[in-house]
Every structure is written in structure tokens, then in C-alpha cells.
Amino acid sequence: MSIISCENIEKYYPEGFSGRKKKILTDLSFTVRQGDVFGIVGPNGAGKSTTLKIILDFVRPDKGKASISGHPARSHTSHRHLGFLPENPSLYRHLTVTDHLLFAARTAGMPRGEAMRRADEILCTVDLSHAAHIPISRFSKGMTQRGALAYALFLKPEVLILDEPMSGLDPLGRQLVIDIIRESHQKGTTILFCSHILTDVERICTQIAIMDKGWLAAFTTPQELQQRKDVAKPEMSPLESFFLEVIAG
């Protein structure tokens, strides 16, 4: 069953003051099936973040359409069971991470007792129990990233969209996020994320798309990559070798 779908999407952005428009996405089509961990990789400027923004309805495509669980991306229904972690989370600096989670609980109509129990549970998951009542202004970049991930996971979303989830994390933090993604996958959550860290993508994804210059340049799976081990360069993982082969043309 398809959970996330992009069909023939094109997107243009204005280029300077000339009135010309630059094409960011070109005829982009793919589907993310229920229960998949779908990773999108590509060089800077490939269109990865723009793709996520269209799926989330932060920007509208100039052509084509995106949908979540069969509902158009622009509908409120499509976002009802969705969690999102942006690349650069913007949390309220004077509030605590617990304040953020309780706000999410109120918007969802969750009873306060249940909300407090869930907050304790998710803060333990992201290793922030010790910082539950510390203002965000005193958080490191990695702690802020994990706090935003807690917010994305708090309401137990059926679909999780992550933009560079390992950004700003040290090796221990990266491994923690990998473990959380794997645990969410085991619980049946459908996950779509972008990352520059190819080794992490190779370790946790069930489907991998490579984007370049707004195109879906290639599509692969861990099983296909394992079959390429013999032709991969010895100093690279199969995905790193395949990625360079695709991007270099």
C-alpha cells in the first residue's frame, strides 16, 4: 500500500530580479510504501528538501501532485498522523522541551496525566530525561535536534518525515537516532528522510532514491547494493560507490 506518493512534480523558484525561473524539480515521481524506511540522498541543491516541503505542503508544486495516505498533501487529513523533524529545528528558547511536548498534547486533546507519562517516555527515548526542565536556550545543537525529534515522535505518528536527522549529532547521538528510526520501523511507522550520511542511509533504509539536479537519478535497495559489493571500490561502501557512479554519470 502506498503511503506517500509524488507524481510528475515540477517546481520553479525565481532567479534573482530578472524574472526568470529556475527549475528545482523535474518530473519527480516515486512512492513510499507502508512500513518502508525510504531514504533520499543527493548532492547539495539536488532538490531533496524541496521535495519534503512539497509533501508537507510548505510549498506548492507548479506541476504534479503529492499525497499522503491517499489524501492530497494540502489537506488537513493528510497531516493528522504525521511527525516532522526539520533540518534546522526552531524551538522556543525560553521554554523547556517538556513545555513543547505538553503543548503538542493540548493541541491533540490528550489528558494531562497521559501527556506527562508520554513526555517522560519519549524524553527517555531521546536521552533527554536529565534536561526535561532546562530551557532550550541552554541546549547544545545536538540536544536541540533530539528535543525536536521527541516533538516529532510524541503523538506516535503513522508517518515520520525527517530532514537530515543526524545533523549536528556526535557519533553517540547519530547511533541513538538510528536506533530510534529502527525501533519506529519495527512498530510499523512509515519513514521518509533525507541525509548526506550515506553509510547511515545504507544501514537503515529499505528503499533508497538518489536525486541529482532535481531528477530522480536512480533507485536502489540494500539487497541490490549487496549484489554490487564486488564492483564497489574497496575504500567505499556499496552505496557510496554507486552514488558516485550515478552522480558522475
Protein backbone atom coordinates (compact mmCIF):
# COMPACT_ATOMS: atom_id res chain seq x y z
CA MET A 1 0.00 0.00 0.00
CA SER A 2 1.33 3.43 -0.98
CA ILE A 3 1.53 5.89 1.94
CA ILE A 4 3.45 8.78 0.32
CA SER A 5 3.17 9.48 -3.38
CA CYS A 6 4.74 12.10 -5.65
CA GLU A 7 3.50 12.19 -9.24
CA ASN A 8 5.22 14.15 -12.04
CA ILE A 9 6.18 17.02 -9.75
CA GLU A 10 7.89 20.11 -11.13
CA LYS A 11 8.91 23.14 -9.11
CA TYR A 12 10.39 26.51 -10.13
CA TYR A 13 11.84 29.28 -7.98
CA PRO A 14 12.50 32.89 -9.06
CA GLU A 15 16.12 33.53 -10.01
CA GLY A 16 17.33 36.95 -8.87
CA PHE A 17 15.50 40.04 -10.14
CA SER A 18 15.49 39.02 -13.80
CA GLY A 19 12.04 37.48 -13.70
CA ARG A 20 13.47 34.19 -14.89
CA LYS A 21 12.64 31.00 -13.04
CA LYS A 22 14.99 28.18 -12.15
CA LYS A 23 13.68 24.64 -12.31
CA ILE A 24 14.29 22.88 -8.98
CA LEU A 25 12.38 19.63 -9.56
CA THR A 26 11.77 17.90 -12.89
CA ASP A 27 9.04 15.27 -13.42
CA LEU A 28 9.68 13.75 -9.99
CA SER A 29 7.71 10.58 -9.26
CA PHE A 30 8.08 7.99 -6.51
CA THR A 31 6.04 6.16 -3.89
CA VAL A 32 6.79 5.18 -0.31
CA ARG A 33 5.01 2.01 0.74
CA GLN A 34 3.53 1.36 4.15
CA GLY A 35 6.24 0.37 6.62
CA ASP A 36 9.14 1.46 4.40
CA VAL A 37 12.19 3.36 5.56
CA PHE A 38 12.72 5.42 2.40
CA GLY A 39 15.93 7.44 2.16
CA ILE A 40 16.63 10.25 -0.30
CA VAL A 41 20.27 11.14 -0.93
CA GLY A 42 21.90 13.57 -3.32
CA PRO A 43 24.38 16.42 -3.59
CA ASN A 44 23.61 19.90 -2.27
CA GLY A 45 20.98 21.55 -4.46
CA ALA A 46 19.58 18.25 -5.73
CA GLY A 47 16.07 19.16 -4.54
CA LYS A 48 15.79 16.86 -1.52
CA SER A 49 14.49 19.42 0.97
CA THR A 50 12.16 20.97 -1.62
CA THR A 51 10.67 17.52 -2.19
CA LEU A 52 9.94 17.15 1.53
CA LYS A 53 8.46 20.67 1.66
CA ILE A 54 6.04 19.79 -1.14
CA ILE A 55 4.97 16.57 0.58
CA LEU A 56 4.41 18.58 3.78
CA ASP A 57 2.58 21.34 1.84
CA PHE A 58 5.06 24.00 2.94
CA VAL A 59 5.39 24.89 -0.74
CA ARG A 60 3.14 24.01 -3.67
CA PRO A 61 4.36 22.31 -6.86
CA ASP A 62 3.99 24.11 -10.17
CA LYS A 63 3.02 20.82 -11.76
CA GLY A 64 2.09 17.37 -10.48
CA LYS A 65 0.79 16.36 -7.08
CA ALA A 66 1.82 14.83 -3.76
CA SER A 67 -0.35 12.80 -1.41
CA ILE A 68 -0.16 11.12 2.00
CA SER A 69 -2.33 8.08 2.73
CA GLY A 70 -4.37 8.83 -0.37
CA HIS A 71 -5.16 12.41 0.66
CA PRO A 72 -3.76 15.45 -1.18
CA ALA A 73 -0.75 16.95 0.59
CA ARG A 74 -2.64 20.24 1.01
CA SER A 75 -5.46 18.61 3.02
CA HIS A 76 -5.50 18.70 6.82
CA THR A 77 -6.38 15.00 6.85
CA SER A 78 -3.02 14.07 5.33
CA HIS A 79 -1.14 15.69 8.25
CA ARG A 80 -3.22 14.26 11.08
CA HIS A 81 -0.91 11.32 11.82
CA LEU A 82 2.38 12.78 10.63
CA GLY A 83 5.54 13.76 12.53
CA PHE A 84 8.22 16.03 11.06
CA LEU A 85 11.79 16.88 12.01
CA PRO A 86 13.24 19.84 10.04
CA GLU A 87 16.94 20.11 9.27
CA ASN A 88 17.29 23.19 11.49
CA PRO A 89 14.66 22.89 14.24
CA SER A 90 13.39 26.16 15.67
CA LEU A 91 12.22 25.61 19.24
CA TYR A 92 11.15 28.35 21.67
CA ARG A 93 14.34 29.17 23.52
CA HIS A 94 12.70 30.29 26.77
CA LEU A 95 10.59 27.12 27.03
CA THR A 96 11.66 23.64 28.10
CA VAL A 97 11.37 20.57 25.93
CA THR A 98 8.62 19.37 28.30
CA ASP A 99 6.69 22.61 27.63
CA HIS A 100 6.85 21.85 23.90
CA LEU A 101 5.57 18.30 24.39
CA LEU A 102 2.70 19.39 26.64
CA PHE A 103 1.71 21.97 24.03
CA ALA A 104 1.54 19.17 21.44
CA ALA A 105 -0.58 17.17 23.88
CA ARG A 106 -3.06 20.04 24.33
CA THR A 107 -3.46 20.53 20.58
CA ALA A 108 -4.26 16.81 20.29
CA GLY A 109 -6.67 16.81 23.24
CA MET A 110 -4.52 14.41 25.27
CA PRO A 111 -5.32 14.29 29.02
CA ARG A 112 -2.57 15.85 31.14
CA GLY A 113 -1.76 12.68 33.08
CA GLU A 114 -1.32 10.71 29.87
CA ALA A 115 0.69 13.59 28.39
CA MET A 116 3.11 13.63 31.32
CA ARG A 117 3.62 9.87 31.09
CA ARG A 118 4.22 10.09 27.35
CA ALA A 119 6.62 13.01 27.81
CA ASP A 120 8.66 11.02 30.33
CA GLU A 121 8.71 8.05 27.96
CA ILE A 122 9.79 9.95 24.85
CA LEU A 123 12.41 12.03 26.68
CA CYS A 124 13.94 8.79 27.93
CA THR A 125 13.93 7.50 24.34
CA VAL A 126 15.90 10.52 23.06
CA ASP A 127 18.15 10.63 26.16
CA LEU A 128 16.88 13.98 27.42
CA SER A 129 15.31 12.97 30.73
CA HIS A 130 18.02 14.90 32.55
CA ALA A 131 17.14 18.04 30.58
CA ALA A 132 13.35 17.86 30.84
CA HIS A 133 13.08 21.19 32.69
CA ILE A 134 16.05 23.06 31.22
CA PRO A 135 15.27 25.97 28.83
CA ILE A 136 16.08 25.27 25.19
CA SER A 137 18.45 28.27 25.28
CA ARG A 138 20.85 26.11 27.31
CA PHE A 139 20.71 23.17 24.90
CA SER A 140 23.59 22.23 22.61
CA LYS A 141 22.84 21.77 18.90
CA GLY A 142 22.67 18.02 19.35
CA MET A 143 20.29 18.32 22.31
CA THR A 144 18.06 20.68 20.32
CA GLN A 145 17.99 18.16 17.47
CA ARG A 146 16.97 15.38 19.86
CA GLY A 147 14.37 17.63 21.50
CA ALA A 148 12.80 18.33 18.12
CA LEU A 149 12.84 14.61 17.36
CA ALA A 150 10.99 14.00 20.63
CA TYR A 151 8.35 16.51 19.49
CA ALA A 152 8.03 14.73 16.12
CA LEU A 153 7.59 11.35 17.81
CA PHE A 154 5.41 12.48 20.72
CA LEU A 155 1.98 11.73 19.22
CA LYS A 156 3.09 8.35 17.83
CA PRO A 157 2.75 9.31 14.16
CA GLU A 158 2.00 6.73 11.49
CA VAL A 159 4.26 8.64 9.08
CA LEU A 160 7.57 10.22 10.06
CA ILE A 161 9.40 12.69 7.79
CA LEU A 162 12.95 13.65 8.75
CA ASP A 163 15.18 16.21 7.03
CA GLU A 164 18.84 15.50 7.85
CA PRO A 165 18.01 13.86 11.21
CA MET A 166 21.69 13.26 12.08
CA SER A 167 22.64 16.92 11.55
CA GLY A 168 24.74 18.30 14.40
CA LEU A 169 24.95 14.99 16.25
CA ASP A 170 28.09 13.34 17.58
CA PRO A 171 28.63 9.60 16.91
CA LEU A 172 26.65 8.59 20.02
CA GLY A 173 23.79 10.89 19.03
CA ARG A 174 23.80 9.52 15.48
CA GLN A 175 23.60 5.96 16.75
CA LEU A 176 20.73 6.93 19.06
CA VAL A 177 18.75 8.37 16.14
CA ILE A 178 19.49 5.29 14.03
CA ASP A 179 18.19 3.09 16.85
CA ILE A 180 15.04 5.24 17.16
CA ILE A 181 14.38 5.02 13.41
CA ARG A 182 14.82 1.24 13.52
CA GLU A 183 12.52 0.92 16.53
CA SER A 184 9.86 3.09 14.84
CA HIS A 185 10.17 0.97 11.70
CA GLN A 186 9.66 -2.22 13.73
CA LYS A 187 6.47 -0.70 15.15
CA GLY A 188 5.15 -0.17 11.61
CA THR A 189 5.85 3.55 11.16
CA THR A 190 6.45 4.65 7.58
CA ILE A 191 9.58 6.79 7.44
CA LEU A 192 10.87 9.16 4.75
CA PHE A 193 14.11 11.03 5.30
CA CYS A 194 16.91 12.90 3.57
CA SER A 195 20.54 12.58 4.61
CA HIS A 196 24.06 13.35 3.42
CA ILE A 197 25.45 10.48 5.50
CA LEU A 198 25.39 7.61 3.02
CA THR A 199 26.61 4.96 5.45
CA ASP A 200 23.66 5.67 7.77
CA VAL A 201 21.21 5.52 4.88
CA GLU A 202 22.64 2.19 3.76
CA ARG A 203 22.31 0.76 7.28
CA ILE A 204 18.67 1.61 7.95
CA CYS A 205 16.74 2.08 4.69
CA THR A 206 14.57 -0.44 2.88
CA GLN A 207 14.41 1.79 -0.24
CA ILE A 208 16.91 4.42 -1.44
CA ALA A 209 16.43 7.17 -4.04
CA ILE A 210 19.33 9.19 -5.46
CA MET A 211 18.45 12.70 -6.63
CA ASP A 212 20.58 14.95 -8.80
CA LYS A 213 19.71 18.37 -10.24
CA GLY A 214 16.01 17.91 -9.48
CA TRP A 215 15.74 14.48 -11.08
CA LEU A 216 15.29 11.06 -9.55
CA ALA A 217 18.56 9.77 -10.97
CA ALA A 218 18.50 6.24 -9.55
CA PHE A 219 16.63 3.95 -7.21
CA THR A 220 18.04 1.00 -5.28
CA THR A 221 17.62 -1.27 -2.26
CA PRO A 222 20.05 -2.73 0.28
CA GLN A 223 19.68 -6.11 -1.43
CA GLU A 224 20.71 -4.67 -4.80
CA LEU A 225 23.64 -2.86 -3.20
CA GLN A 226 24.89 -6.09 -1.63
CA GLN A 227 24.97 -7.63 -5.09
CA ARG A 228 27.26 -4.78 -6.16
CA LYS A 229 29.81 -5.36 -3.39
CA ASP A 230 32.25 -7.00 -5.77
CA VAL A 231 32.33 -3.95 -8.08
CA ALA A 232 32.40 -1.31 -5.33
CA LYS A 233 35.68 0.43 -4.67
CA PRO A 234 37.38 -1.23 -1.68
CA GLU A 235 37.60 2.00 0.32
CA MET A 236 33.86 2.72 -0.15
CA SER A 237 30.59 1.17 0.90
CA PRO A 238 28.38 -0.18 -1.93
CA LEU A 239 26.07 2.86 -1.66
CA GLU A 240 28.97 5.35 -1.70
CA SER A 241 30.39 3.68 -4.80
CA PHE A 242 27.00 3.54 -6.55
CA PHE A 243 26.21 7.13 -5.58
CA LEU A 244 29.42 8.46 -7.15
CA GLU A 245 28.84 6.34 -10.24
CA VAL A 246 25.34 7.80 -10.68
CA ILE A 247 26.28 11.43 -9.97
CA ALA A 248 29.41 11.30 -12.14
CA GLY A 249 27.30 9.97 -14.97
